[in-house]
Amino acid sequence: MKKEQIEKAAREFTDDLIAENYFDVNYEEDNYDAGSLHATSEVGSMAFLKGAEWRINSVWHDVNKAPQKGKFVLFECNREYGVTYTVNYGENYDIMKNVIIRWAYIEDLIPTK
């Protein structure tokens, strides 16, 4: 997902959240509910974006931690001509570790239902 798509999804999520919890604010005792609605509007998108950002970055491992051999791995590598990506079963880690920036298990990159 691109950043713009995540931001759009965040807005839609917040709008849906507000719609699900919508209530009329007619009385003084409803100030708490009005504040809740306002807080959801203010923080909902930001919380969604931070959650999406966390999910994207949480699957990546530091280069100092070797991947388990036999598991399908995506390596992000720093080459002379720029950043590249390579996929294998973790068997080339020792040879490649001087160019690896970070790595992730492919199974962690695939969304779960």
C-alpha atoms as a PDB file:
ATOM      1  CA  MET A   1       0.000   0.000   0.000  1.00  0.00           C
ATOM      2  CA  LYS A   2       1.200   3.469  -0.795  1.00  0.00           C
ATOM      3  CA  LYS A   3       1.173   6.207   1.840  1.00  0.00           C
ATOM      4  CA  GLU A   4      -1.749   7.946   0.104  1.00  0.00           C
ATOM      5  CA  GLN A   5      -3.787   4.721   0.183  1.00  0.00           C
ATOM      6  CA  ILE A   6      -3.061   4.259   3.888  1.00  0.00           C
ATOM      7  CA  GLU A   7      -4.060   7.881   4.607  1.00  0.00           C
ATOM      8  CA  LYS A   8      -7.315   7.391   2.671  1.00  0.00           C
ATOM      9  CA  ALA A   9      -8.002   4.165   4.567  1.00  0.00           C
ATOM     10  CA  ALA A  10      -7.302   6.007   7.834  1.00  0.00           C
ATOM     11  CA  ARG A  11      -9.845   8.710   6.993  1.00  0.00           C
ATOM     12  CA  GLU A  12     -12.432   6.095   6.013  1.00  0.00           C
ATOM     13  CA  PHE A  13     -11.727   4.115   9.192  1.00  0.00           C
ATOM     14  CA  THR A  14     -12.197   7.206  11.350  1.00  0.00           C
ATOM     15  CA  ASP A  15     -15.384   8.228   9.528  1.00  0.00           C
ATOM     16  CA  ASP A  16     -16.785   4.709   9.959  1.00  0.00           C
ATOM     17  CA  LEU A  17     -15.790   4.666  13.623  1.00  0.00           C
ATOM     18  CA  ILE A  18     -17.567   7.961  14.224  1.00  0.00           C
ATOM     19  CA  ALA A  19     -20.633   6.802  12.264  1.00  0.00           C
ATOM     20  CA  GLU A  20     -20.828   3.599  14.344  1.00  0.00           C
ATOM     21  CA  ASN A  21     -20.688   5.582  17.562  1.00  0.00           C
ATOM     22  CA  TYR A  22     -22.697   8.584  16.411  1.00  0.00           C
ATOM     23  CA  PHE A  23     -25.009  10.166  18.920  1.00  0.00           C
ATOM     24  CA  ASP A  24     -26.935  13.394  19.202  1.00  0.00           C
ATOM     25  CA  VAL A  25     -25.486  15.993  21.516  1.00  0.00           C
ATOM     26  CA  ASN A  26     -28.472  17.913  22.852  1.00  0.00           C
ATOM     27  CA  TYR A  27     -27.954  18.249  26.572  1.00  0.00           C
ATOM     28  CA  GLU A  28     -25.293  19.532  28.899  1.00  0.00           C
ATOM     29  CA  GLU A  29     -24.648  16.034  30.260  1.00  0.00           C
ATOM     30  CA  ASP A  30     -23.679  14.991  26.723  1.00  0.00           C
ATOM     31  CA  ASN A  31     -20.448  16.996  26.908  1.00  0.00           C
ATOM     32  CA  TYR A  32     -18.517  13.801  27.601  1.00  0.00           C
ATOM     33  CA  ASP A  33     -19.952  12.202  24.458  1.00  0.00           C
ATOM     34  CA  ALA A  34     -19.222  15.328  22.428  1.00  0.00           C
ATOM     35  CA  GLY A  35     -15.635  15.275  23.665  1.00  0.00           C
ATOM     36  CA  SER A  36     -15.378  11.591  22.806  1.00  0.00           C
ATOM     37  CA  LEU A  37     -16.613  12.241  19.274  1.00  0.00           C
ATOM     38  CA  HIS A  38     -14.173  15.125  18.864  1.00  0.00           C
ATOM     39  CA  ALA A  39     -11.274  13.047  20.216  1.00  0.00           C
ATOM     40  CA  THR A  40     -12.105  10.197  17.841  1.00  0.00           C
ATOM     41  CA  SER A  41     -12.148  12.632  14.942  1.00  0.00           C
ATOM     42  CA  GLU A  42      -8.846  14.185  16.008  1.00  0.00           C
ATOM     43  CA  VAL A  43      -6.890  11.070  16.910  1.00  0.00           C
ATOM     44  CA  GLY A  44      -8.530   8.286  14.907  1.00  0.00           C
ATOM     45  CA  SER A  45      -6.662   8.869  11.649  1.00  0.00           C
ATOM     46  CA  MET A  46      -3.339   9.391  13.404  1.00  0.00           C
ATOM     47  CA  ALA A  47      -3.766   6.182  15.417  1.00  0.00           C
ATOM     48  CA  PHE A  48      -4.665   4.236  12.278  1.00  0.00           C
ATOM     49  CA  LEU A  49      -1.626   5.636  10.414  1.00  0.00           C
ATOM     50  CA  LYS A  50       0.718   4.828  13.298  1.00  0.00           C
ATOM     51  CA  GLY A  51      -0.696   1.297  13.443  1.00  0.00           C
ATOM     52  CA  ALA A  52      -0.192   0.803   9.705  1.00  0.00           C
ATOM     53  CA  GLU A  53       3.340   2.193   9.954  1.00  0.00           C
ATOM     54  CA  TRP A  54       4.109  -0.139  12.858  1.00  0.00           C
ATOM     55  CA  ARG A  55       2.770  -3.147  10.925  1.00  0.00           C
ATOM     56  CA  ILE A  56       4.876  -2.337   7.876  1.00  0.00           C
ATOM     57  CA  ASN A  57       8.080  -1.924   9.892  1.00  0.00           C
ATOM     58  CA  SER A  58       7.513  -4.659  12.480  1.00  0.00           C
ATOM     59  CA  VAL A  59       8.328  -7.516  10.096  1.00  0.00           C
ATOM     60  CA  TRP A  60      11.861  -6.316   9.324  1.00  0.00           C
ATOM     61  CA  HIS A  61      14.795  -7.769  11.270  1.00  0.00           C
ATOM     62  CA  ASP A  62      18.165  -6.245  12.069  1.00  0.00           C
ATOM     63  CA  VAL A  63      21.107  -7.463  10.005  1.00  0.00           C
ATOM     64  CA  ASN A  64      22.838  -8.720  13.179  1.00  0.00           C
ATOM     65  CA  LYS A  65      20.162 -11.383  13.648  1.00  0.00           C
ATOM     66  CA  ALA A  66      20.552 -14.250  11.168  1.00  0.00           C
ATOM     67  CA  PRO A  67      17.400 -15.646   9.547  1.00  0.00           C
ATOM     68  CA  GLN A  68      16.389 -19.255  10.014  1.00  0.00           C
ATOM     69  CA  LYS A  69      17.729 -21.370   7.155  1.00  0.00           C
ATOM     70  CA  GLY A  70      15.095 -22.993   4.998  1.00  0.00           C
ATOM     71  CA  LYS A  71      12.581 -20.168   5.452  1.00  0.00           C
ATOM     72  CA  PHE A  72      11.777 -17.918   2.497  1.00  0.00           C
ATOM     73  CA  VAL A  73      13.504 -14.558   3.184  1.00  0.00           C
ATOM     74  CA  LEU A  74      13.520 -11.135   1.509  1.00  0.00           C
ATOM     75  CA  PHE A  75      16.838  -9.305   1.893  1.00  0.00           C
ATOM     76  CA  GLU A  76      17.137  -5.541   1.420  1.00  0.00           C
ATOM     77  CA  CYS A  77      20.713  -4.942   0.245  1.00  0.00           C
ATOM     78  CA  ASN A  78      22.883  -1.879  -0.238  1.00  0.00           C
ATOM     79  CA  ARG A  79      24.828  -2.179  -3.486  1.00  0.00           C
ATOM     80  CA  GLU A  80      27.111   0.309  -5.237  1.00  0.00           C
ATOM     81  CA  TYR A  81      24.287   1.112  -7.649  1.00  0.00           C
ATOM     82  CA  GLY A  82      21.570   1.454  -4.991  1.00  0.00           C
ATOM     83  CA  VAL A  83      19.241  -0.572  -2.820  1.00  0.00           C
ATOM     84  CA  THR A  84      18.232  -3.974  -4.184  1.00  0.00           C
ATOM     85  CA  TYR A  85      16.065  -6.821  -2.974  1.00  0.00           C
ATOM     86  CA  THR A  86      16.793 -10.511  -3.244  1.00  0.00           C
ATOM     87  CA  VAL A  87      14.819 -13.547  -2.149  1.00  0.00           C
ATOM     88  CA  ASN A  88      16.166 -16.935  -1.081  1.00  0.00           C
ATOM     89  CA  TYR A  89      15.889 -19.527   1.669  1.00  0.00           C
ATOM     90  CA  GLY A  90      18.325 -17.779   4.019  1.00  0.00           C
ATOM     91  CA  GLU A  91      21.274 -19.898   2.910  1.00  0.00           C
ATOM     92  CA  ASN A  92      23.348 -16.981   1.551  1.00  0.00           C
ATOM     93  CA  TYR A  93      23.148 -14.841   4.688  1.00  0.00           C
ATOM     94  CA  ASP A  94      26.775 -15.349   5.782  1.00  0.00           C
ATOM     95  CA  ILE A  95      28.073 -14.434   2.321  1.00  0.00           C
ATOM     96  CA  MET A  96      25.732 -11.455   1.888  1.00  0.00           C
ATOM     97  CA  LYS A  97      25.610  -9.998   5.411  1.00  0.00           C
ATOM     98  CA  ASN A  98      28.082  -7.222   4.594  1.00  0.00           C
ATOM     99  CA  VAL A  99      25.590  -5.749   2.084  1.00  0.00           C
ATOM    100  CA  ILE A 100      22.308  -6.609   3.849  1.00  0.00           C
ATOM    101  CA  ILE A 101      20.490  -3.624   5.362  1.00  0.00           C
ATOM    102  CA  ARG A 102      17.611  -5.604   6.852  1.00  0.00           C
ATOM    103  CA  TRP A 103      15.579  -8.712   6.109  1.00  0.00           C
ATOM    104  CA  ALA A 104      12.069 -10.150   6.563  1.00  0.00           C
ATOM    105  CA  TYR A 105      10.446 -13.546   6.338  1.00  0.00           C
ATOM    106  CA  ILE A 106       8.171 -13.634   3.286  1.00  0.00           C
ATOM    107  CA  GLU A 107       5.389 -15.216   5.375  1.00  0.00           C
ATOM    108  CA  ASP A 108       5.423 -12.123   7.633  1.00  0.00           C
ATOM    109  CA  LEU A 109       4.984  -9.819   4.629  1.00  0.00           C
ATOM    110  CA  ILE A 110       1.854 -11.600   3.422  1.00  0.00           C
ATOM    111  CA  PRO A 111      -1.335 -10.300   5.051  1.00  0.00           C
ATOM    112  CA  THR A 112      -3.310 -12.734   7.154  1.00  0.00           C
ATOM    113  CA  LYS A 113      -7.073 -12.978   7.007  1.00  0.00           C
END
